[in-house]
């Protein structure tokens, strides 16, 4: 009889411990969830392990780069085959254009890096060279497209749309007088915005 009472006490003790552990587990999970939520709202959550978001724009750009750079691909290493992009509506038609840039020795030199501006369908608006990032969209416009401020070798130049294209080499365009206006929008700020890197 005494053994049965001891066994019953032990079982009750184990059940109460399990209930306590479940409560503690729920409490820990709740605390972690609340902490993550507050950090996400505040913009301080570490999402470095978050899965890479693959979207239609990335696939469109990837496909286009494989066509545009077809002749270059055999000479490129795996590390050369990465791009950054940022969407920005250059002509206020509610369809963003895509600024595509690179930051490796294959595409970059002492004057800056190469890249592309693609329209919303992936067609090339223009290719640019010797450009430092970011590129700035000014508040002024030419031919219904925002003027761009592009640095080359550390010097800012005003680049305007002409006949459906921007000039490809900003270093030979008009130098910007004064500082870059605060109202300008930084686009393709690879380092400042820590843009995602994609392979092609």
Protein backbone atom coordinates (compact mmCIF):
# COMPACT_ATOMS: atom_id res chain seq x y z
CA UNK A 1 0.00 0.00 0.00
CA UNK A 2 2.84 2.34 0.96
CA UNK A 3 4.48 1.63 -2.40
CA UNK A 4 1.29 2.56 -4.21
CA UNK A 5 1.06 5.86 -2.31
CA UNK A 6 4.72 6.64 -3.11
CA UNK A 7 4.15 5.81 -6.79
CA UNK A 8 1.08 8.06 -6.90
CA UNK A 9 3.04 10.94 -5.27
CA UNK A 10 5.87 10.48 -7.80
CA UNK A 11 3.44 10.51 -10.73
CA UNK A 12 1.72 13.63 -9.43
CA UNK A 13 5.12 15.28 -8.95
CA UNK A 14 6.16 14.44 -12.51
CA UNK A 15 2.88 15.79 -13.94
CA UNK A 16 3.21 19.05 -11.99
CA UNK A 17 6.82 19.39 -13.21
CA UNK A 18 5.71 18.83 -16.78
CA UNK A 19 2.98 21.46 -16.43
CA UNK A 20 5.54 23.87 -14.96
CA UNK A 21 7.94 23.17 -17.85
CA UNK A 22 5.15 23.73 -20.39
CA UNK A 23 4.31 27.05 -18.73
CA UNK A 24 7.99 28.04 -18.76
CA UNK A 25 8.31 26.99 -22.43
CA UNK A 26 5.25 29.06 -23.37
CA UNK A 27 6.63 31.98 -21.37
CA UNK A 28 10.03 31.76 -23.12
CA UNK A 29 8.42 31.51 -26.56
CA UNK A 30 6.16 34.47 -25.76
CA UNK A 31 9.17 36.54 -24.57
CA UNK A 32 11.18 35.71 -27.71
CA UNK A 33 8.21 36.53 -29.96
CA UNK A 34 7.58 39.84 -28.20
CA UNK A 35 11.29 40.74 -28.35
CA UNK A 36 11.52 39.91 -32.06
CA UNK A 37 8.34 41.85 -32.80
CA UNK A 38 9.56 44.94 -30.94
CA UNK A 39 12.96 44.79 -32.71
CA UNK A 40 11.28 44.36 -36.09
CA UNK A 41 9.03 47.37 -35.49
CA UNK A 42 12.04 49.39 -34.33
CA UNK A 43 14.08 48.22 -37.33
CA UNK A 44 16.79 46.60 -35.19
CA UNK A 45 16.00 42.92 -35.76
CA UNK A 46 18.82 40.82 -37.22
CA UNK A 47 17.43 39.36 -40.42
CA UNK A 48 20.79 38.35 -41.89
CA UNK A 49 19.71 34.71 -41.92
CA UNK A 50 16.40 35.50 -43.59
CA UNK A 51 15.89 33.70 -46.92
CA UNK A 52 16.77 35.74 -50.01
CA UNK A 53 13.70 37.18 -51.66
CA UNK A 54 13.56 36.15 -55.30
CA UNK A 55 11.17 38.35 -57.24
CA UNK A 56 10.13 38.98 -60.82
CA UNK A 57 12.52 41.92 -61.17
CA UNK A 58 15.51 39.78 -60.16
CA UNK A 59 14.57 37.10 -62.70
CA UNK A 60 14.03 39.72 -65.40
CA UNK A 61 17.42 41.36 -64.72
CA UNK A 62 19.21 38.01 -64.44
CA UNK A 63 17.84 36.91 -67.82
CA UNK A 64 18.79 40.21 -69.47
CA UNK A 65 22.34 40.21 -68.05
CA UNK A 66 22.94 36.72 -69.41
CA UNK A 67 22.04 38.07 -72.86
CA UNK A 68 23.86 41.41 -72.59
CA UNK A 69 27.04 39.87 -71.20
CA UNK A 70 27.01 36.65 -73.23
CA UNK A 71 30.43 37.37 -74.79
CA UNK A 72 31.91 38.21 -71.37
CA UNK A 73 30.64 35.19 -69.45
CA UNK A 74 33.49 32.79 -70.38
CA UNK A 75 36.07 35.24 -68.99
CA UNK A 76 34.17 35.91 -65.78
CA UNK A 77 34.73 34.12 -62.49
CA UNK A 78 31.90 33.07 -60.20
CA UNK A 79 32.69 36.08 -57.97
CA UNK A 80 32.28 38.43 -60.97
CA UNK A 81 28.77 37.21 -61.65
CA UNK A 82 26.86 39.21 -59.05
CA UNK A 83 24.72 42.29 -59.39
CA UNK A 84 22.81 44.75 -57.24
CA UNK A 85 19.65 46.48 -58.28
CA UNK A 86 17.19 49.09 -57.13
CA UNK A 87 13.87 50.11 -58.63
CA UNK A 88 13.03 53.77 -59.19
CA UNK A 89 10.35 55.38 -61.36
CA UNK A 90 12.34 57.78 -63.55
CA UNK A 91 9.44 59.08 -65.65
CA UNK A 92 6.46 58.97 -63.26
CA UNK A 93 4.57 56.38 -65.32
CA UNK A 94 3.92 54.21 -62.22
CA UNK A 95 6.31 51.56 -63.62
CA UNK A 96 9.73 51.51 -62.00
CA UNK A 97 12.94 51.38 -64.00
CA UNK A 98 15.76 49.19 -62.70
CA UNK A 99 19.22 50.49 -61.86
CA UNK A 100 21.65 47.57 -62.06
CA UNK A 101 25.20 47.84 -60.75
CA UNK A 102 28.28 45.78 -59.99
CA UNK A 103 31.09 46.12 -57.46
CA UNK A 104 33.88 43.78 -58.52
CA UNK A 105 37.13 44.21 -60.47
CA UNK A 106 35.61 42.88 -63.71
CA UNK A 107 33.19 45.83 -63.88
CA UNK A 108 35.01 48.44 -61.80
CA UNK A 109 38.17 50.47 -62.23
CA UNK A 110 39.77 53.60 -60.81
CA UNK A 111 37.08 55.86 -62.34
CA UNK A 112 34.12 53.84 -61.07
CA UNK A 113 31.94 50.91 -62.10
CA UNK A 114 29.70 49.90 -64.98
CA UNK A 115 26.01 49.19 -64.88
CA UNK A 116 22.69 49.43 -66.65
CA UNK A 117 19.36 51.16 -66.45
CA UNK A 118 16.58 48.86 -67.65
CA UNK A 119 12.97 49.73 -68.25
CA UNK A 120 10.15 47.83 -66.57
CA UNK A 121 10.14 45.21 -69.34
CA UNK A 122 13.88 44.59 -68.95
CA UNK A 123 14.92 46.44 -72.10
CA UNK A 124 18.08 48.55 -71.87
CA UNK A 125 17.58 52.29 -71.51
CA UNK A 126 21.33 52.63 -71.32
CA UNK A 127 24.61 51.20 -70.16
CA UNK A 128 26.85 53.42 -68.05
CA UNK A 129 30.54 53.30 -67.24
CA UNK A 130 33.00 54.90 -64.78
CA UNK A 131 30.31 55.61 -62.19
CA UNK A 132 30.55 55.75 -58.41
CA UNK A 133 27.52 54.63 -56.41
CA UNK A 134 25.02 55.84 -55.38
CA UNK A 135 23.45 57.54 -58.39
CA UNK A 136 21.14 60.43 -57.55
CA UNK A 137 17.81 61.22 -59.20
CA UNK A 138 17.51 65.01 -59.25
CA UNK A 139 14.24 66.90 -58.96
CA UNK A 140 14.73 68.45 -62.43
CA UNK A 141 13.83 66.53 -65.58
CA UNK A 142 14.56 66.44 -69.31
CA UNK A 143 12.36 64.71 -71.92
CA UNK A 144 10.03 63.55 -69.10
CA UNK A 145 12.83 61.66 -67.29
CA UNK A 146 14.51 62.82 -64.10
CA UNK A 147 18.01 64.18 -64.56
CA UNK A 148 20.67 62.06 -62.87
CA UNK A 149 23.65 63.12 -60.81
CA UNK A 150 26.42 60.59 -61.29
CA UNK A 151 29.83 60.74 -59.70
CA UNK A 152 32.85 59.63 -61.66
CA UNK A 153 36.27 59.67 -60.04
CA UNK A 154 34.69 61.51 -57.10
CA UNK A 155 33.37 64.40 -59.27
CA UNK A 156 29.60 64.87 -59.65
CA UNK A 157 28.18 65.33 -63.15
CA UNK A 158 24.66 66.22 -64.32
CA UNK A 159 23.40 63.59 -66.77
CA UNK A 160 20.29 64.36 -68.83
CA UNK A 161 18.08 62.20 -71.01
CA UNK A 162 18.51 62.83 -74.74
CA UNK A 163 16.76 60.96 -77.56
CA UNK A 164 15.52 58.25 -75.18
CA UNK A 165 18.90 57.54 -73.55
CA UNK A 166 21.17 58.90 -70.86
CA UNK A 167 24.80 59.42 -71.90
CA UNK A 168 26.84 56.33 -70.99
CA UNK A 169 29.95 58.11 -69.70
CA UNK A 170 29.09 60.62 -66.96
CA UNK A 171 32.69 61.87 -66.71
CA UNK A 172 32.35 63.82 -69.97
CA UNK A 173 29.05 65.46 -68.99
CA UNK A 174 28.51 68.86 -67.39
CA UNK A 175 30.00 69.09 -63.89
CA UNK A 176 27.48 69.74 -61.16
CA UNK A 177 27.72 73.24 -59.75
CA UNK A 178 27.65 73.12 -55.96
CA UNK A 179 26.65 70.22 -53.74
CA UNK A 180 24.21 67.45 -54.55
CA UNK A 181 20.79 68.87 -53.57
CA UNK A 182 19.30 67.34 -50.43
CA UNK A 183 16.03 66.75 -52.28
CA UNK A 184 17.76 64.32 -54.67
CA UNK A 185 17.03 60.62 -54.19
CA UNK A 186 19.97 58.25 -53.79
CA UNK A 187 19.51 55.17 -55.98
CA UNK A 188 21.71 52.08 -56.06
CA UNK A 189 23.36 52.99 -52.77
CA UNK A 190 25.07 49.61 -52.55
CA UNK A 191 27.00 50.26 -49.33
CA UNK A 192 24.69 52.72 -47.55
CA UNK A 193 21.49 50.70 -47.99
CA UNK A 194 23.31 47.36 -47.86
CA UNK A 195 21.55 46.15 -50.98
CA UNK A 196 21.11 42.43 -51.58
CA UNK A 197 23.57 40.78 -53.96
CA UNK A 198 22.20 38.44 -56.66
CA UNK A 199 23.94 35.97 -58.94
CA UNK A 200 23.44 35.75 -62.69
